[in-house]
N, C-alpha and C. Protein backbone atom coordinates (compact mmCIF):
# COMPACT_ATOMS: atom_id res chain seq x y z
N MET A 1 135.72 -38.65 0.98
CA MET A 1 135.70 -39.40 2.32
C MET A 1 137.17 -40.23 2.51
N HIS A 2 137.75 -39.98 3.79
CA HIS A 2 138.96 -40.80 3.91
C HIS A 2 138.67 -42.13 4.75
N ALA A 3 139.57 -42.96 4.47
CA ALA A 3 139.52 -44.24 5.12
C ALA A 3 139.86 -44.28 6.54
N LEU A 4 139.25 -44.91 7.44
CA LEU A 4 139.45 -44.94 8.72
C LEU A 4 140.62 -45.75 9.15
N THR A 5 141.62 -45.19 9.90
CA THR A 5 142.76 -45.84 10.14
C THR A 5 142.69 -46.54 11.49
N LEU A 6 142.65 -47.94 11.65
CA LEU A 6 142.42 -48.48 13.03
C LEU A 6 143.81 -49.09 13.40
N PRO A 7 144.06 -49.15 14.72
CA PRO A 7 145.05 -50.01 15.20
C PRO A 7 144.97 -51.37 14.75
N GLU A 8 146.36 -52.08 14.40
CA GLU A 8 146.21 -53.27 13.58
C GLU A 8 145.47 -54.46 14.36
N PRO A 9 145.44 -54.52 15.72
CA PRO A 9 144.55 -55.56 16.30
C PRO A 9 143.11 -55.48 16.05
N ILE A 10 142.80 -54.19 15.98
CA ILE A 10 141.41 -53.80 15.69
C ILE A 10 141.00 -53.93 14.16
N ALA A 11 141.70 -53.60 13.37
CA ALA A 11 141.63 -53.89 12.03
C ALA A 11 141.59 -55.25 11.46
N ALA A 12 142.45 -56.11 12.28
CA ALA A 12 142.35 -57.43 12.01
C ALA A 12 141.19 -58.06 12.45
N PHE A 13 140.70 -57.61 13.73
CA PHE A 13 139.40 -58.27 14.12
C PHE A 13 138.30 -57.84 13.12
N PHE A 14 138.01 -56.70 12.52
CA PHE A 14 136.92 -56.59 11.68
C PHE A 14 137.27 -57.29 10.32
N ALA A 15 138.54 -57.32 9.85
CA ALA A 15 138.84 -58.02 8.59
C ALA A 15 138.61 -59.64 8.77
N ALA A 16 138.56 -60.08 9.94
CA ALA A 16 138.36 -61.60 10.16
C ALA A 16 136.90 -61.87 10.82
N GLU A 17 136.04 -61.12 10.67
CA GLU A 17 134.78 -61.14 11.36
C GLU A 17 133.99 -62.79 10.90
N HIS A 18 134.28 -63.29 9.98
CA HIS A 18 133.73 -64.46 9.60
C HIS A 18 134.67 -65.82 9.52
N ASP A 19 135.86 -65.31 10.14
CA ASP A 19 137.05 -66.52 9.96
C ASP A 19 137.52 -66.70 11.42
N THR A 20 137.17 -67.67 12.05
CA THR A 20 137.48 -67.94 13.28
C THR A 20 138.87 -68.15 13.63
N ASP A 21 139.36 -68.81 12.51
CA ASP A 21 140.95 -68.96 12.74
C ASP A 21 141.67 -67.72 12.97
N ARG A 22 141.27 -66.86 12.05
CA ARG A 22 141.99 -65.40 12.05
C ARG A 22 141.56 -64.62 13.16
N LEU A 23 140.23 -64.72 13.67
CA LEU A 23 139.95 -64.11 14.80
C LEU A 23 140.80 -64.58 16.04
N ALA A 24 141.11 -65.96 16.08
CA ALA A 24 141.82 -66.36 17.39
C ALA A 24 143.10 -65.65 17.48
N HIS A 25 143.67 -65.30 16.31
CA HIS A 25 145.03 -64.65 16.43
C HIS A 25 144.92 -63.03 16.98
N CYS A 26 143.64 -62.53 17.09
CA CYS A 26 143.45 -61.21 17.29
C CYS A 26 143.50 -60.96 19.00
N PHE A 27 143.25 -62.03 19.58
CA PHE A 27 143.10 -61.97 21.11
C PHE A 27 144.18 -62.34 21.98
N THR A 28 144.34 -62.06 23.11
CA THR A 28 145.23 -62.52 24.10
C THR A 28 144.70 -63.89 24.58
N ALA A 29 145.53 -64.71 25.22
CA ALA A 29 145.02 -65.92 25.71
C ALA A 29 143.81 -65.84 26.71
N ARG A 30 143.92 -64.86 27.58
CA ARG A 30 142.97 -64.61 28.58
C ARG A 30 142.05 -63.45 28.37
N ALA A 31 141.77 -63.15 27.07
CA ALA A 31 141.01 -62.09 26.50
C ALA A 31 139.56 -62.36 27.15
N VAL A 32 138.80 -61.41 27.31
CA VAL A 32 137.44 -61.33 27.70
C VAL A 32 136.63 -60.62 26.70
N LEU A 33 135.42 -61.24 26.25
CA LEU A 33 134.45 -60.43 25.47
C LEU A 33 133.03 -60.40 26.10
N LYS A 34 132.52 -59.28 26.11
CA LYS A 34 131.25 -59.14 26.70
C LYS A 34 130.20 -58.57 25.57
N ASP A 35 129.15 -59.41 25.34
CA ASP A 35 128.09 -58.96 24.43
C ASP A 35 126.82 -59.39 24.83
N ASP A 36 125.92 -58.73 24.76
CA ASP A 36 124.31 -59.07 25.03
C ASP A 36 124.08 -59.65 26.35
N GLY A 37 124.88 -59.16 27.26
CA GLY A 37 124.69 -59.65 28.66
C GLY A 37 125.49 -60.93 29.02
N HIS A 38 126.32 -61.41 28.07
CA HIS A 38 127.10 -62.53 28.30
C HIS A 38 128.52 -62.28 28.29
N THR A 39 129.26 -63.02 29.09
CA THR A 39 130.90 -62.75 29.08
C THR A 39 131.48 -64.04 28.68
N TYR A 40 132.41 -63.96 27.75
CA TYR A 40 133.31 -65.18 27.18
C TYR A 40 134.62 -64.74 27.51
N THR A 41 135.34 -65.83 28.09
CA THR A 41 136.71 -65.57 28.59
C THR A 41 137.57 -66.73 27.96
N GLY A 42 138.63 -66.12 27.31
CA GLY A 42 139.77 -67.09 26.65
C GLY A 42 139.27 -67.32 25.14
N ILE A 43 140.30 -67.63 24.34
CA ILE A 43 140.26 -67.71 22.95
C ILE A 43 139.31 -68.78 22.38
N ASP A 44 139.07 -69.90 22.99
CA ASP A 44 138.18 -71.03 22.65
C ASP A 44 136.78 -70.58 22.73
N ALA A 45 136.48 -69.91 24.03
CA ALA A 45 135.17 -69.46 24.20
C ALA A 45 134.75 -68.15 23.23
N ILE A 46 135.63 -67.48 23.04
CA ILE A 46 135.43 -66.28 22.12
C ILE A 46 135.07 -66.56 20.77
N THR A 47 136.07 -67.49 20.26
CA THR A 47 135.91 -67.87 18.83
C THR A 47 134.57 -68.70 18.68
N ALA A 48 134.15 -69.66 19.65
CA ALA A 48 133.05 -70.53 19.58
C ALA A 48 131.82 -69.56 19.37
N PHE A 49 131.81 -68.53 20.33
CA PHE A 49 130.64 -67.51 20.26
C PHE A 49 130.68 -66.73 19.00
N MET A 50 131.87 -66.23 18.53
CA MET A 50 131.86 -65.44 17.19
C MET A 50 131.41 -66.33 16.18
N ALA A 51 131.72 -67.81 16.05
CA ALA A 51 131.23 -68.54 14.90
C ALA A 51 129.85 -68.80 15.00
N GLU A 52 129.30 -69.03 16.10
CA GLU A 52 127.84 -69.13 16.40
C GLU A 52 127.19 -67.87 15.80
N VAL A 53 127.50 -66.79 16.21
CA VAL A 53 127.00 -65.39 15.88
C VAL A 53 127.03 -65.22 14.26
N SER A 54 128.16 -65.49 13.79
CA SER A 54 128.41 -65.45 12.30
C SER A 54 127.38 -66.30 11.53
N ALA A 55 127.37 -67.46 11.93
CA ALA A 55 126.37 -68.59 11.37
C ALA A 55 124.95 -68.17 11.47
N ARG A 56 124.42 -67.56 12.50
CA ARG A 56 123.20 -67.15 12.79
C ARG A 56 122.73 -66.03 12.21
N TYR A 57 123.75 -64.89 12.12
CA TYR A 57 123.35 -63.63 11.62
C TYR A 57 123.80 -63.21 10.35
N ASN A 58 124.87 -63.84 9.84
CA ASN A 58 125.66 -63.45 8.74
C ASN A 58 125.82 -61.94 8.64
N ALA A 59 126.33 -61.35 9.84
CA ALA A 59 126.39 -59.75 9.83
C ALA A 59 127.54 -59.46 9.24
N THR A 60 127.64 -58.23 8.65
CA THR A 60 128.89 -57.42 8.23
C THR A 60 128.85 -56.22 9.11
N SER A 61 130.26 -55.89 9.31
CA SER A 61 130.41 -54.59 10.17
C SER A 61 131.43 -53.65 9.33
N VAL A 62 130.97 -52.45 9.32
CA VAL A 62 131.84 -51.50 8.70
C VAL A 62 132.23 -50.37 9.80
N PRO A 63 133.43 -50.32 10.20
CA PRO A 63 133.87 -49.24 11.19
C PRO A 63 133.55 -47.88 10.74
N LEU A 64 133.06 -47.07 11.53
CA LEU A 64 132.67 -45.70 11.13
C LEU A 64 133.64 -44.64 11.84
N THR A 65 133.67 -44.91 13.17
CA THR A 65 134.70 -43.88 13.88
C THR A 65 135.41 -44.69 14.80
N LEU A 66 136.50 -43.87 15.36
CA LEU A 66 137.51 -44.51 16.30
C LEU A 66 137.72 -43.35 17.32
N ALA A 67 137.66 -43.57 18.52
CA ALA A 67 137.92 -42.57 19.57
C ALA A 67 138.66 -43.28 20.84
N GLY A 68 139.57 -42.61 21.41
CA GLY A 68 140.21 -43.07 22.60
C GLY A 68 139.39 -42.60 23.77
N GLU A 69 139.28 -43.54 24.76
CA GLU A 69 138.27 -43.20 25.76
C GLU A 69 138.77 -44.00 27.09
N ASP A 70 139.34 -43.24 28.09
CA ASP A 70 139.68 -43.85 29.31
C ASP A 70 140.54 -45.05 29.07
N GLY A 71 141.63 -45.00 28.21
CA GLY A 71 142.39 -46.15 27.89
C GLY A 71 141.99 -47.22 27.05
N PHE A 72 140.75 -46.95 26.45
CA PHE A 72 140.07 -47.96 25.52
C PHE A 72 140.02 -47.35 24.25
N GLN A 73 139.86 -48.18 23.12
CA GLN A 73 139.82 -47.74 21.76
C GLN A 73 138.28 -48.00 21.55
N VAL A 74 137.45 -46.93 21.21
CA VAL A 74 135.94 -47.26 20.96
C VAL A 74 135.71 -47.14 19.44
N VAL A 75 135.33 -48.11 18.79
CA VAL A 75 134.84 -48.02 17.30
C VAL A 75 133.39 -48.22 17.36
N ARG A 76 132.79 -47.23 16.63
CA ARG A 76 131.38 -47.45 16.31
C ARG A 76 131.23 -47.92 14.84
N ALA A 77 130.49 -49.05 14.69
CA ALA A 77 130.36 -49.64 13.39
C ALA A 77 128.94 -49.86 12.90
N HIS A 78 128.71 -49.77 11.60
CA HIS A 78 127.45 -49.83 10.99
C HIS A 78 127.43 -51.62 10.92
N VAL A 79 126.50 -52.24 11.56
CA VAL A 79 126.37 -53.68 11.48
C VAL A 79 124.92 -53.99 10.75
N ALA A 80 125.19 -54.75 9.72
CA ALA A 80 123.92 -55.22 8.93
C ALA A 80 124.05 -56.80 8.91
N GLY A 81 122.69 -57.45 8.95
CA GLY A 81 122.65 -58.83 8.88
C GLY A 81 121.29 -59.28 9.16
N ASN A 82 121.07 -60.74 9.31
CA ASN A 82 119.87 -61.28 9.54
C ASN A 82 119.47 -61.48 11.00
N PHE A 83 119.16 -60.10 11.53
CA PHE A 83 118.76 -60.03 12.88
C PHE A 83 117.79 -58.95 13.14
N PRO A 84 116.85 -59.01 14.12
CA PRO A 84 115.94 -57.90 14.15
C PRO A 84 116.57 -56.45 14.44
N GLY A 85 115.99 -55.47 13.90
CA GLY A 85 116.60 -54.15 14.00
C GLY A 85 117.87 -53.82 13.09
N SER A 86 118.06 -54.67 12.23
CA SER A 86 119.08 -54.49 11.27
C SER A 86 118.69 -53.45 10.25
N PRO A 87 119.65 -52.59 9.93
CA PRO A 87 121.04 -52.59 10.31
C PRO A 87 121.01 -51.59 11.65
N ILE A 88 122.14 -51.66 12.38
CA ILE A 88 122.34 -50.86 13.62
C ILE A 88 123.70 -50.33 13.85
N VAL A 89 124.02 -49.39 14.51
CA VAL A 89 125.24 -49.00 14.86
C VAL A 89 125.65 -49.42 16.22
N LEU A 90 126.71 -50.23 16.25
CA LEU A 90 127.24 -50.89 17.56
C LEU A 90 128.48 -50.14 18.05
N SER A 91 128.74 -50.18 19.32
CA SER A 91 129.90 -49.70 19.87
C SER A 91 130.70 -50.83 20.18
N TYR A 92 132.09 -50.79 19.90
CA TYR A 92 133.13 -51.92 20.18
C TYR A 92 134.16 -51.23 21.04
N ARG A 93 134.27 -51.50 22.31
CA ARG A 93 135.14 -51.10 23.29
C ARG A 93 136.29 -51.93 23.48
N PHE A 94 137.48 -51.61 22.88
CA PHE A 94 138.47 -52.42 22.89
C PHE A 94 139.52 -52.04 23.92
N GLN A 95 140.18 -52.98 24.59
CA GLN A 95 141.25 -52.73 25.45
C GLN A 95 142.58 -53.57 24.73
N LEU A 96 143.58 -52.84 24.41
CA LEU A 96 144.64 -53.73 23.72
C LEU A 96 145.70 -53.93 24.49
N ASP A 97 146.30 -54.98 24.29
CA ASP A 97 147.67 -55.41 25.12
C ASP A 97 148.64 -55.76 24.14
N ASP A 98 149.48 -54.69 23.89
CA ASP A 98 150.61 -54.72 22.75
C ASP A 98 149.78 -54.94 21.38
N ASP A 99 149.99 -56.12 20.80
CA ASP A 99 149.49 -56.22 19.38
C ASP A 99 148.18 -57.19 19.47
N ARG A 100 147.45 -57.39 20.57
CA ARG A 100 146.36 -58.28 20.73
C ARG A 100 145.26 -57.63 21.52
N ILE A 101 144.01 -58.09 21.30
CA ILE A 101 142.87 -57.54 22.13
C ILE A 101 142.72 -58.33 23.46
N ALA A 102 142.79 -57.58 24.45
CA ALA A 102 142.59 -58.05 25.88
C ALA A 102 141.33 -58.06 26.48
N SER A 103 140.52 -57.18 26.03
CA SER A 103 139.12 -57.20 26.18
C SER A 103 138.08 -56.38 25.20
N LEU A 104 136.97 -56.77 25.08
CA LEU A 104 136.11 -56.23 24.00
C LEU A 104 134.74 -56.25 24.53
N GLU A 105 134.09 -55.16 24.64
CA GLU A 105 132.60 -55.06 25.01
C GLU A 105 131.91 -54.43 23.69
N ILE A 106 130.83 -55.17 23.41
CA ILE A 106 130.08 -54.90 22.29
C ILE A 106 128.63 -54.33 22.86
N THR A 107 128.24 -53.10 22.32
CA THR A 107 127.07 -52.59 22.92
C THR A 107 126.31 -51.77 21.87
N ALA A 108 124.91 -51.63 22.07
CA ALA A 108 124.06 -50.88 21.21
C ALA A 108 124.24 -49.45 21.48
């Protein structure tokens, strides 16, 4: 099996999943994150949400596949943690702006 090669901002996002200081550097200033019916805009809102999710679920994500789709980079990842239905495969739909994440939508 070969390792999945992700674009740098996406690789940095998954590497920093429990480190909000590192996560903050992954996003543009006006980035938008959508997850579970909620929208978070800006680095402060995104990192606050990610910190709360990390503390609550202690989930780990392992990227499985990467595909380009209508200008987005879509990663399917195996996610396991302290939440109902764990483990699950989630889709992470990234829109990149140079070396940062401009938008991210996470869906089941």
